[in-house]
Amino acid sequence: MDIKAIVLDIDGTLVTSEKVISEKTRNILIKAQEKGIKVILASGRPTRGMWHLAEELELDKHNGYLVSFNGARVTDCETKEVLFNQALDTALSKNILEHLKKFDVIPMVYGDTHMYVKDVYHNEIETVDGPTMNIVEYEARMCRYLICEQPDLAAFVDEPQNKILIAGNPEYLQSVFEDIHAPFESRTTGVFSAPFYYELTDQGIDKAFSLNKVLTAHGILPENVVSFGDGQNDRSIIEYAGMGVAMGNAMQEILDIADEVTLSNDHDGIAVFLERYI
């Protein structure tokens, strides 16, 4: 396979359960870039929550890209230029946030430096493994945001939003996500990025849509792309790539459609696969 680009989801894929990049994985991705292969991080995370990982992988030295907000924005790491951006318009964002008041969920919206929520403290949700966590603190720390309370997010939002993040207990969120999405189905894309995260972006937006916009402009075709992922919001890049690789810890939906399955994110699955080619 003639690999020209490597596309990597972050959580559950690039980083371990401890949210770090293993030395083995880092080394092979830097080696790939030194050989002229473009490395792209494609995540549900906001752009701010990806920069430290991009710098660790030296994407800023090798013209790598960040596909953030589940595909709503693409940024060139070297020039800091935004290559693609498509957001939910302000009125639609307000309507979604108003609708979410009917459900026992925790919406979050992003500014440049702050993440805005209704309540910073009372946000304990269950995880798949059982223990609870303050989901607002978890998101803010992971994505390096300060947190600001706003009593009414629908009234507060006054600009387009790349995505609206909705957190909740996994079982409850699974039972209501269709009702959450239904009024906006013709205008938004809804996807799970984790069992406790459901995310809304503009209609048609996913990681592969924006990835295709920027890669084809640089002569990189899908058959030259290897993509790695583990979650539902990675389905588009797994299907898009000439080689879609599921992590060993991936959800069944991704395992079923992948061209190949590698080891888990805690066992250097990316590096083990790429050693065959690089």
C-alpha atoms as a PDB file:
ATOM      1  CA  MET A   1       0.000   0.000   0.000  1.00  0.00           C
ATOM      2  CA  ASP A   2       1.274   3.455  -0.938  1.00  0.00           C
ATOM      3  CA  ILE A   3       0.538   5.365   2.272  1.00  0.00           C
ATOM      4  CA  LYS A   4       0.432   9.153   1.937  1.00  0.00           C
ATOM      5  CA  ALA A   5      -1.657   9.977   4.999  1.00  0.00           C
ATOM      6  CA  ILE A   6      -2.331   8.412   8.412  1.00  0.00           C
ATOM      7  CA  VAL A   7      -5.550   9.488  10.130  1.00  0.00           C
ATOM      8  CA  LEU A   8      -5.888   8.912  13.871  1.00  0.00           C
ATOM      9  CA  ASP A   9      -8.765   9.244  16.261  1.00  0.00           C
ATOM     10  CA  ILE A  10      -7.481  10.307  19.695  1.00  0.00           C
ATOM     11  CA  ASP A  11      -9.431   8.900  22.648  1.00  0.00           C
ATOM     12  CA  GLY A  12      -9.455   5.115  22.656  1.00  0.00           C
ATOM     13  CA  THR A  13      -7.095   5.105  19.662  1.00  0.00           C
ATOM     14  CA  LEU A  14      -3.992   7.301  19.745  1.00  0.00           C
ATOM     15  CA  VAL A  15      -3.828   7.754  23.515  1.00  0.00           C
ATOM     16  CA  THR A  16      -3.845   5.033  26.147  1.00  0.00           C
ATOM     17  CA  SER A  17      -6.397   4.716  28.916  1.00  0.00           C
ATOM     18  CA  GLU A  18      -4.149   7.107  30.854  1.00  0.00           C
ATOM     19  CA  LYS A  19      -4.607   9.716  28.061  1.00  0.00           C
ATOM     20  CA  VAL A  20      -0.952   9.633  26.970  1.00  0.00           C
ATOM     21  CA  ILE A  21       0.790   8.678  23.724  1.00  0.00           C
ATOM     22  CA  SER A  22       3.097   5.716  24.201  1.00  0.00           C
ATOM     23  CA  GLU A  23       6.754   6.174  23.226  1.00  0.00           C
ATOM     24  CA  LYS A  24       6.526   3.405  20.623  1.00  0.00           C
ATOM     25  CA  THR A  25       3.517   4.989  18.936  1.00  0.00           C
ATOM     26  CA  ARG A  26       5.049   8.471  19.034  1.00  0.00           C
ATOM     27  CA  ASN A  27       8.305   7.274  17.505  1.00  0.00           C
ATOM     28  CA  ILE A  28       6.722   5.501  14.550  1.00  0.00           C
ATOM     29  CA  LEU A  29       4.442   8.450  13.758  1.00  0.00           C
ATOM     30  CA  ILE A  30       7.387  10.845  13.733  1.00  0.00           C
ATOM     31  CA  LYS A  31       9.294   8.387  11.539  1.00  0.00           C
ATOM     32  CA  ALA A  32       6.346   8.281   9.126  1.00  0.00           C
ATOM     33  CA  GLN A  33       6.360  12.069   8.843  1.00  0.00           C
ATOM     34  CA  GLU A  34      10.103  12.121   8.225  1.00  0.00           C
ATOM     35  CA  LYS A  35       9.383   9.851   5.264  1.00  0.00           C
ATOM     36  CA  GLY A  36       6.879  12.350   3.876  1.00  0.00           C
ATOM     37  CA  ILE A  37       3.643  10.790   5.152  1.00  0.00           C
ATOM     38  CA  LYS A  38       1.094  13.300   6.456  1.00  0.00           C
ATOM     39  CA  VAL A  39      -0.258  12.566   9.947  1.00  0.00           C
ATOM     40  CA  ILE A  40      -3.738  13.832  10.813  1.00  0.00           C
ATOM     41  CA  LEU A  41      -5.522  13.785  14.162  1.00  0.00           C
ATOM     42  CA  ALA A  42      -9.299  13.455  13.720  1.00  0.00           C
ATOM     43  CA  SER A  43     -11.337  13.779  16.895  1.00  0.00           C
ATOM     44  CA  GLY A  44     -14.559  14.896  18.465  1.00  0.00           C
ATOM     45  CA  ARG A  45     -12.403  17.066  20.689  1.00  0.00           C
ATOM     46  CA  PRO A  46     -12.332  20.830  20.134  1.00  0.00           C
ATOM     47  CA  THR A  47      -9.196  22.136  18.454  1.00  0.00           C
ATOM     48  CA  ARG A  48      -7.875  23.513  21.748  1.00  0.00           C
ATOM     49  CA  GLY A  49      -7.877  20.008  23.239  1.00  0.00           C
ATOM     50  CA  MET A  50      -5.689  18.625  20.428  1.00  0.00           C
ATOM     51  CA  TRP A  51      -2.776  21.060  20.145  1.00  0.00           C
ATOM     52  CA  HIS A  52      -0.607  19.543  22.881  1.00  0.00           C
ATOM     53  CA  LEU A  53      -0.827  16.130  21.209  1.00  0.00           C
ATOM     54  CA  ALA A  54      -0.074  17.627  17.800  1.00  0.00           C
ATOM     55  CA  GLU A  55       3.057  19.273  19.196  1.00  0.00           C
ATOM     56  CA  GLU A  56       4.140  16.043  20.903  1.00  0.00           C
ATOM     57  CA  LEU A  57       3.909  14.292  17.529  1.00  0.00           C
ATOM     58  CA  GLU A  58       5.660  17.205  15.767  1.00  0.00           C
ATOM     59  CA  LEU A  59       2.743  17.837  13.427  1.00  0.00           C
ATOM     60  CA  ASP A  60       3.650  21.530  13.553  1.00  0.00           C
ATOM     61  CA  LYS A  61       6.986  20.702  11.905  1.00  0.00           C
ATOM     62  CA  HIS A  62       5.580  18.394   9.224  1.00  0.00           C
ATOM     63  CA  ASN A  63       2.435  20.179   8.018  1.00  0.00           C
ATOM     64  CA  GLY A  64       0.044  17.842   9.826  1.00  0.00           C
ATOM     65  CA  TYR A  65      -3.663  18.570  10.218  1.00  0.00           C
ATOM     66  CA  LEU A  66      -6.187  18.641  13.039  1.00  0.00           C
ATOM     67  CA  VAL A  67      -9.718  17.537  12.176  1.00  0.00           C
ATOM     68  CA  SER A  68     -11.635  18.730  15.238  1.00  0.00           C
ATOM     69  CA  PHE A  69     -15.240  18.923  16.449  1.00  0.00           C
ATOM     70  CA  ASN A  70     -16.018  15.640  14.646  1.00  0.00           C
ATOM     71  CA  GLY A  71     -15.083  17.216  11.322  1.00  0.00           C
ATOM     72  CA  ALA A  72     -16.565  20.679  11.696  1.00  0.00           C
ATOM     73  CA  ARG A  73     -13.116  22.290  11.480  1.00  0.00           C
ATOM     74  CA  VAL A  74      -9.745  21.442   9.915  1.00  0.00           C
ATOM     75  CA  THR A  75      -6.565  23.285  10.910  1.00  0.00           C
ATOM     76  CA  ASP A  76      -3.070  23.213   9.416  1.00  0.00           C
ATOM     77  CA  CYS A  77      -0.705  22.622  12.342  1.00  0.00           C
ATOM     78  CA  GLU A  78       2.256  24.346  10.710  1.00  0.00           C
ATOM     79  CA  THR A  79       0.604  27.558   9.533  1.00  0.00           C
ATOM     80  CA  LYS A  80      -2.303  27.555  12.058  1.00  0.00           C
ATOM     81  CA  GLU A  81      -4.593  28.299   9.090  1.00  0.00           C
ATOM     82  CA  VAL A  82      -8.180  27.038   9.305  1.00  0.00           C
ATOM     83  CA  LEU A  83      -8.641  25.071   6.081  1.00  0.00           C
ATOM     84  CA  PHE A  84     -12.297  24.170   6.595  1.00  0.00           C
ATOM     85  CA  ASN A  85     -14.991  25.305   9.006  1.00  0.00           C
ATOM     86  CA  GLN A  86     -18.717  24.581   9.073  1.00  0.00           C
ATOM     87  CA  ALA A  87     -20.698  25.391  12.192  1.00  0.00           C
ATOM     88  CA  LEU A  88     -24.260  25.217  13.467  1.00  0.00           C
ATOM     89  CA  ASP A  89     -25.720  28.667  12.979  1.00  0.00           C
ATOM     90  CA  THR A  90     -26.549  30.707  16.060  1.00  0.00           C
ATOM     91  CA  ALA A  91     -30.341  30.343  15.864  1.00  0.00           C
ATOM     92  CA  LEU A  92     -30.102  26.579  15.452  1.00  0.00           C
ATOM     93  CA  SER A  93     -27.629  26.323  18.331  1.00  0.00           C
ATOM     94  CA  LYS A  94     -30.031  28.238  20.571  1.00  0.00           C
ATOM     95  CA  ASN A  95     -32.959  26.024  19.557  1.00  0.00           C
ATOM     96  CA  ILE A  96     -31.004  22.862  20.313  1.00  0.00           C
ATOM     97  CA  LEU A  97     -29.949  24.124  23.733  1.00  0.00           C
ATOM     98  CA  GLU A  98     -33.539  25.115  24.531  1.00  0.00           C
ATOM     99  CA  HIS A  99     -34.758  21.647  23.477  1.00  0.00           C
ATOM    100  CA  LEU A 100     -32.164  19.956  25.703  1.00  0.00           C
ATOM    101  CA  LYS A 101     -33.836  21.437  28.800  1.00  0.00           C
ATOM    102  CA  LYS A 102     -36.465  18.680  28.434  1.00  0.00           C
ATOM    103  CA  PHE A 103     -33.885  15.970  29.141  1.00  0.00           C
ATOM    104  CA  ASP A 104     -31.702  14.936  32.057  1.00  0.00           C
ATOM    105  CA  VAL A 105     -28.489  15.733  30.219  1.00  0.00           C
ATOM    106  CA  ILE A 106     -25.536  18.095  30.561  1.00  0.00           C
ATOM    107  CA  PRO A 107     -24.919  20.343  27.529  1.00  0.00           C
ATOM    108  CA  MET A 108     -21.531  21.973  27.013  1.00  0.00           C
ATOM    109  CA  VAL A 109     -20.516  24.678  24.537  1.00  0.00           C
ATOM    110  CA  TYR A 110     -17.059  26.022  23.738  1.00  0.00           C
ATOM    111  CA  GLY A 111     -15.508  29.452  23.484  1.00  0.00           C
ATOM    112  CA  ASP A 112     -11.883  30.279  22.721  1.00  0.00           C
ATOM    113  CA  THR A 113     -10.580  29.676  26.240  1.00  0.00           C
ATOM    114  CA  HIS A 114     -13.660  28.741  28.262  1.00  0.00           C
ATOM    115  CA  MET A 115     -16.174  25.916  28.214  1.00  0.00           C
ATOM    116  CA  TYR A 116     -19.669  27.010  29.229  1.00  0.00           C
ATOM    117  CA  VAL A 117     -22.037  24.898  31.342  1.00  0.00           C
ATOM    118  CA  LYS A 118     -25.022  25.497  33.568  1.00  0.00           C
ATOM    119  CA  ASP A 119     -23.484  23.959  36.707  1.00  0.00           C
ATOM    120  CA  VAL A 120     -19.814  23.250  37.313  1.00  0.00           C
ATOM    121  CA  TYR A 121     -20.263  21.084  40.400  1.00  0.00           C
ATOM    122  CA  HIS A 122     -23.328  18.845  40.140  1.00  0.00           C
ATOM    123  CA  ASN A 123     -22.429  16.816  37.079  1.00  0.00           C
ATOM    124  CA  GLU A 124     -21.713  13.299  38.294  1.00  0.00           C
ATOM    125  CA  ILE A 125     -22.451  10.668  35.659  1.00  0.00           C
ATOM    126  CA  GLU A 126     -21.917   6.929  35.510  1.00  0.00           C
ATOM    127  CA  THR A 127     -19.232   5.386  33.362  1.00  0.00           C
ATOM    128  CA  VAL A 128     -19.444   2.051  31.579  1.00  0.00           C
ATOM    129  CA  ASP A 129     -17.263   0.475  34.262  1.00  0.00           C
ATOM    130  CA  GLY A 130     -19.452   1.686  37.112  1.00  0.00           C
ATOM    131  CA  PRO A 131     -17.731   4.557  39.001  1.00  0.00           C
ATOM    132  CA  THR A 132     -19.072   8.086  38.623  1.00  0.00           C
ATOM    133  CA  MET A 133     -17.157  11.181  37.569  1.00  0.00           C
ATOM    134  CA  ASN A 134     -17.744  14.903  37.251  1.00  0.00           C
ATOM    135  CA  ILE A 135     -18.114  15.001  33.471  1.00  0.00           C
ATOM    136  CA  VAL A 136     -17.598  18.764  33.222  1.00  0.00           C
ATOM    137  CA  GLU A 137     -14.271  18.569  35.052  1.00  0.00           C
ATOM    138  CA  TYR A 138     -13.278  15.573  32.903  1.00  0.00           C
ATOM    139  CA  GLU A 139     -13.977  17.394  29.625  1.00  0.00           C
ATOM    140  CA  ALA A 140     -12.413  20.679  30.718  1.00  0.00           C
ATOM    141  CA  ARG A 141      -9.198  19.065  31.958  1.00  0.00           C
ATOM    142  CA  MET A 142      -8.860  16.806  28.913  1.00  0.00           C
ATOM    143  CA  CYS A 143      -9.386  19.673  26.473  1.00  0.00           C
ATOM    144  CA  ARG A 144      -7.579  22.328  28.538  1.00  0.00           C
ATOM    145  CA  TYR A 145     -10.458  24.744  29.032  1.00  0.00           C
ATOM    146  CA  LEU A 146     -11.365  27.044  31.878  1.00  0.00           C
ATOM    147  CA  ILE A 147     -14.979  26.568  32.968  1.00  0.00           C
ATOM    148  CA  CYS A 148     -17.647  29.239  33.210  1.00  0.00           C
ATOM    149  CA  GLU A 149     -21.202  28.852  34.491  1.00  0.00           C
ATOM    150  CA  GLN A 150     -24.092  30.314  32.525  1.00  0.00           C
ATOM    151  CA  PRO A 151     -27.575  29.765  33.997  1.00  0.00           C
ATOM    152  CA  ASP A 152     -29.205  29.611  30.549  1.00  0.00           C
ATOM    153  CA  LEU A 153     -26.971  28.382  27.739  1.00  0.00           C
ATOM    154  CA  ALA A 154     -29.674  28.930  25.118  1.00  0.00           C
ATOM    155  CA  ALA A 155     -29.894  32.595  26.031  1.00  0.00           C
ATOM    156  CA  PHE A 156     -26.117  32.944  26.388  1.00  0.00           C
ATOM    157  CA  VAL A 157     -24.995  31.591  23.010  1.00  0.00           C
ATOM    158  CA  ASP A 158     -24.562  34.428  20.520  1.00  0.00           C
ATOM    159  CA  GLU A 159     -22.391  32.907  17.788  1.00  0.00           C
ATOM    160  CA  PRO A 160     -22.295  29.755  15.618  1.00  0.00           C
ATOM    161  CA  GLN A 161     -21.166  26.563  17.346  1.00  0.00           C
ATOM    162  CA  ASN A 162     -18.953  23.933  15.725  1.00  0.00           C
ATOM    163  CA  LYS A 163     -20.690  21.347  17.869  1.00  0.00           C
ATOM    164  CA  ILE A 164     -22.899  20.977  20.910  1.00  0.00           C
ATOM    165  CA  LEU A 165     -21.708  18.322  23.338  1.00  0.00           C
ATOM    166  CA  ILE A 166     -24.350  16.453  25.321  1.00  0.00           C
ATOM    167  CA  ALA A 167     -23.288  14.332  28.298  1.00  0.00           C
ATOM    168  CA  GLY A 168     -25.400  11.893  30.283  1.00  0.00           C
ATOM    169  CA  ASN A 169     -25.547   8.529  31.949  1.00  0.00           C
ATOM    170  CA  PRO A 170     -24.931   5.983  29.156  1.00  0.00           C
ATOM    171  CA  GLU A 171     -28.139   3.981  29.584  1.00  0.00           C
ATOM    172  CA  TYR A 172     -30.317   7.095  29.753  1.00  0.00           C
ATOM    173  CA  LEU A 173     -28.555   8.777  26.839  1.00  0.00           C
ATOM    174  CA  GLN A 174     -29.064   5.677  24.704  1.00  0.00           C
ATOM    175  CA  SER A 175     -32.783   5.763  25.501  1.00  0.00           C
ATOM    176  CA  VAL A 176     -33.315   9.434  24.569  1.00  0.00           C
ATOM    177  CA  PHE A 177     -30.799  10.326  21.841  1.00  0.00           C
ATOM    178  CA  GLU A 178     -33.356   9.784  19.062  1.00  0.00           C
ATOM    179  CA  ASP A 179     -35.801  12.146  20.792  1.00  0.00           C
ATOM    180  CA  ILE A 180     -33.007  14.678  21.239  1.00  0.00           C
ATOM    181  CA  HIS A 181     -32.080  14.533  17.565  1.00  0.00           C
ATOM    182  CA  ALA A 182     -35.553  14.221  16.026  1.00  0.00           C
ATOM    183  CA  PRO A 183     -36.527  17.930  15.780  1.00  0.00           C
ATOM    184  CA  PHE A 184     -33.194  18.745  14.114  1.00  0.00           C
ATOM    185  CA  GLU A 185     -32.625  15.618  12.044  1.00  0.00           C
ATOM    186  CA  SER A 186     -32.770  17.463   8.719  1.00  0.00           C
ATOM    187  CA  ARG A 187     -30.290  20.116   9.845  1.00  0.00           C
ATOM    188  CA  THR A 188     -27.781  18.311  12.056  1.00  0.00           C
ATOM    189  CA  THR A 189     -25.646  15.183  12.325  1.00  0.00           C
ATOM    190  CA  GLY A 190     -25.803  13.315  15.632  1.00  0.00           C
ATOM    191  CA  VAL A 191     -23.247  10.759  16.776  1.00  0.00           C
ATOM    192  CA  PHE A 192     -21.919   9.086  19.923  1.00  0.00           C
ATOM    193  CA  SER A 193     -18.238   9.731  20.618  1.00  0.00           C
ATOM    194  CA  ALA A 194     -18.367   7.777  23.894  1.00  0.00           C
ATOM    195  CA  PRO A 195     -21.179   5.967  25.727  1.00  0.00           C
ATOM    196  CA  PHE A 196     -21.681   9.125  27.808  1.00  0.00           C
ATOM    197  CA  TYR A 197     -21.260  11.673  24.972  1.00  0.00           C
ATOM    198  CA  TYR A 198     -23.731  12.435  22.178  1.00  0.00           C
ATOM    199  CA  GLU A 199     -22.703  15.239  19.830  1.00  0.00           C
ATOM    200  CA  LEU A 200     -24.513  17.420  17.312  1.00  0.00           C
ATOM    201  CA  THR A 201     -22.785  19.082  14.353  1.00  0.00           C
ATOM    202  CA  ASP A 202     -24.094  20.694  11.190  1.00  0.00           C
ATOM    203  CA  GLN A 203     -25.873  18.487   8.640  1.00  0.00           C
ATOM    204  CA  GLY A 204     -23.494  16.282   6.659  1.00  0.00           C
ATOM    205  CA  ILE A 205     -20.501  16.954   8.879  1.00  0.00           C
ATOM    206  CA  ASP A 206     -18.349  14.015   9.886  1.00  0.00           C
ATOM    207  CA  LYS A 207     -14.622  13.373  10.017  1.00  0.00           C
ATOM    208  CA  ALA A 208     -14.407  11.942   6.489  1.00  0.00           C
ATOM    209  CA  PHE A 209     -16.375  14.777   4.878  1.00  0.00           C
ATOM    210  CA  SER A 210     -13.930  17.480   5.905  1.00  0.00           C
ATOM    211  CA  LEU A 211     -10.925  15.191   5.549  1.00  0.00           C
ATOM    212  CA  ASN A 212     -11.828  14.556   1.921  1.00  0.00           C
ATOM    213  CA  LYS A 213     -12.161  18.303   1.301  1.00  0.00           C
ATOM    214  CA  VAL A 214      -8.571  19.012   2.304  1.00  0.00           C
ATOM    215  CA  LEU A 215      -6.811  15.820   1.201  1.00  0.00           C
ATOM    216  CA  THR A 216      -8.097  15.745  -2.364  1.00  0.00           C
ATOM    217  CA  ALA A 217      -7.002  19.366  -2.745  1.00  0.00           C
ATOM    218  CA  HIS A 218      -3.464  18.111  -2.078  1.00  0.00           C
ATOM    219  CA  GLY A 219      -3.702  15.109  -4.373  1.00  0.00           C
ATOM    220  CA  ILE A 220      -4.113  12.518  -1.614  1.00  0.00           C
ATOM    221  CA  LEU A 221      -6.818  10.005  -2.538  1.00  0.00           C
ATOM    222  CA  PRO A 222      -8.680   7.646  -0.199  1.00  0.00           C
ATOM    223  CA  GLU A 223      -6.669   4.655  -1.447  1.00  0.00           C
ATOM    224  CA  ASN A 224      -3.541   6.354  -0.044  1.00  0.00           C
ATOM    225  CA  VAL A 225      -5.038   6.763   3.441  1.00  0.00           C
ATOM    226  CA  VAL A 226      -4.819   4.551   6.534  1.00  0.00           C
ATOM    227  CA  SER A 227      -7.306   5.428   9.287  1.00  0.00           C
ATOM    228  CA  PHE A 228      -7.453   4.174  12.887  1.00  0.00           C
ATOM    229  CA  GLY A 229     -10.496   4.390  15.155  1.00  0.00           C
ATOM    230  CA  ASP A 230     -12.566   2.794  17.884  1.00  0.00           C
ATOM    231  CA  GLY A 231     -15.904   4.609  18.220  1.00  0.00           C
ATOM    232  CA  GLN A 232     -19.086   5.400  16.326  1.00  0.00           C
ATOM    233  CA  ASN A 233     -17.801   8.835  15.305  1.00  0.00           C
ATOM    234  CA  ASP A 234     -14.856   7.076  13.608  1.00  0.00           C
ATOM    235  CA  ARG A 235     -17.062   5.087  11.248  1.00  0.00           C
ATOM    236  CA  SER A 236     -16.742   7.633   8.439  1.00  0.00           C
ATOM    237  CA  ILE A 237     -12.927   7.605   8.420  1.00  0.00           C
ATOM    238  CA  ILE A 238     -12.786   3.804   8.638  1.00  0.00           C
ATOM    239  CA  GLU A 239     -15.085   3.543   5.620  1.00  0.00           C
ATOM    240  CA  TYR A 240     -13.337   6.384   3.752  1.00  0.00           C
ATOM    241  CA  ALA A 241      -9.788   5.109   3.942  1.00  0.00           C
ATOM    242  CA  GLY A 242      -8.191   2.622   1.600  1.00  0.00           C
ATOM    243  CA  MET A 243      -7.261   0.802   4.801  1.00  0.00           C
ATOM    244  CA  GLY A 244      -9.596   1.273   7.760  1.00  0.00           C
ATOM    245  CA  VAL A 245      -8.123  -0.195  10.925  1.00  0.00           C
ATOM    246  CA  ALA A 246     -10.127  -0.849  14.089  1.00  0.00           C
ATOM    247  CA  MET A 247      -8.404  -0.841  17.437  1.00  0.00           C
ATOM    248  CA  GLY A 248      -8.710  -4.054  19.423  1.00  0.00           C
ATOM    249  CA  ASN A 249     -10.810  -2.149  21.967  1.00  0.00           C
ATOM    250  CA  ALA A 250     -13.190  -0.765  19.306  1.00  0.00           C
ATOM    251  CA  MET A 251     -16.951  -1.056  19.568  1.00  0.00           C
ATOM    252  CA  GLN A 252     -18.505  -3.903  17.588  1.00  0.00           C
ATOM    253  CA  GLU A 253     -19.903  -1.562  14.926  1.00  0.00           C
ATOM    254  CA  ILE A 254     -16.355  -0.519  14.020  1.00  0.00           C
ATOM    255  CA  LEU A 255     -14.883  -4.017  14.273  1.00  0.00           C
ATOM    256  CA  ASP A 256     -17.518  -5.215  11.816  1.00  0.00           C
ATOM    257  CA  ILE A 257     -16.677  -2.702   9.060  1.00  0.00           C
ATOM    258  CA  ALA A 258     -12.891  -2.397   9.423  1.00  0.00           C
ATOM    259  CA  ASP A 259     -10.504  -3.810   6.828  1.00  0.00           C
ATOM    260  CA  GLU A 260      -8.211  -4.944   9.615  1.00  0.00           C
ATOM    261  CA  VAL A 261      -8.133  -5.072  13.419  1.00  0.00           C
ATOM    262  CA  THR A 262      -5.000  -4.240  15.388  1.00  0.00           C
ATOM    263  CA  LEU A 263      -4.153  -4.404  19.092  1.00  0.00           C
ATOM    264  CA  SER A 264      -5.800  -2.086  21.603  1.00  0.00           C
ATOM    265  CA  ASN A 265      -4.812   1.489  22.411  1.00  0.00           C
ATOM    266  CA  ASP A 266      -3.121   0.190  25.568  1.00  0.00           C
ATOM    267  CA  HIS A 267      -0.969  -2.253  23.578  1.00  0.00           C
ATOM    268  CA  ASP A 268       0.510  -0.012  20.864  1.00  0.00           C
ATOM    269  CA  GLY A 269      -2.048  -1.073  18.252  1.00  0.00           C
ATOM    270  CA  ILE A 270      -1.158   1.784  15.899  1.00  0.00           C
ATOM    271  CA  ALA A 271       2.580   1.137  16.044  1.00  0.00           C
ATOM    272  CA  VAL A 272       2.188  -2.637  15.659  1.00  0.00           C
ATOM    273  CA  PHE A 273       0.172  -2.139  12.480  1.00  0.00           C
ATOM    274  CA  LEU A 274       2.383   0.577  10.971  1.00  0.00           C
ATOM    275  CA  GLU A 275       5.585  -1.412  11.534  1.00  0.00           C
ATOM    276  CA  ARG A 276       4.537  -3.505   8.535  1.00  0.00           C
ATOM    277  CA  TYR A 277       4.700  -0.476   6.233  1.00  0.00           C
ATOM    278  CA  ILE A 278       7.119   2.063   7.698  1.00  0.00           C
END
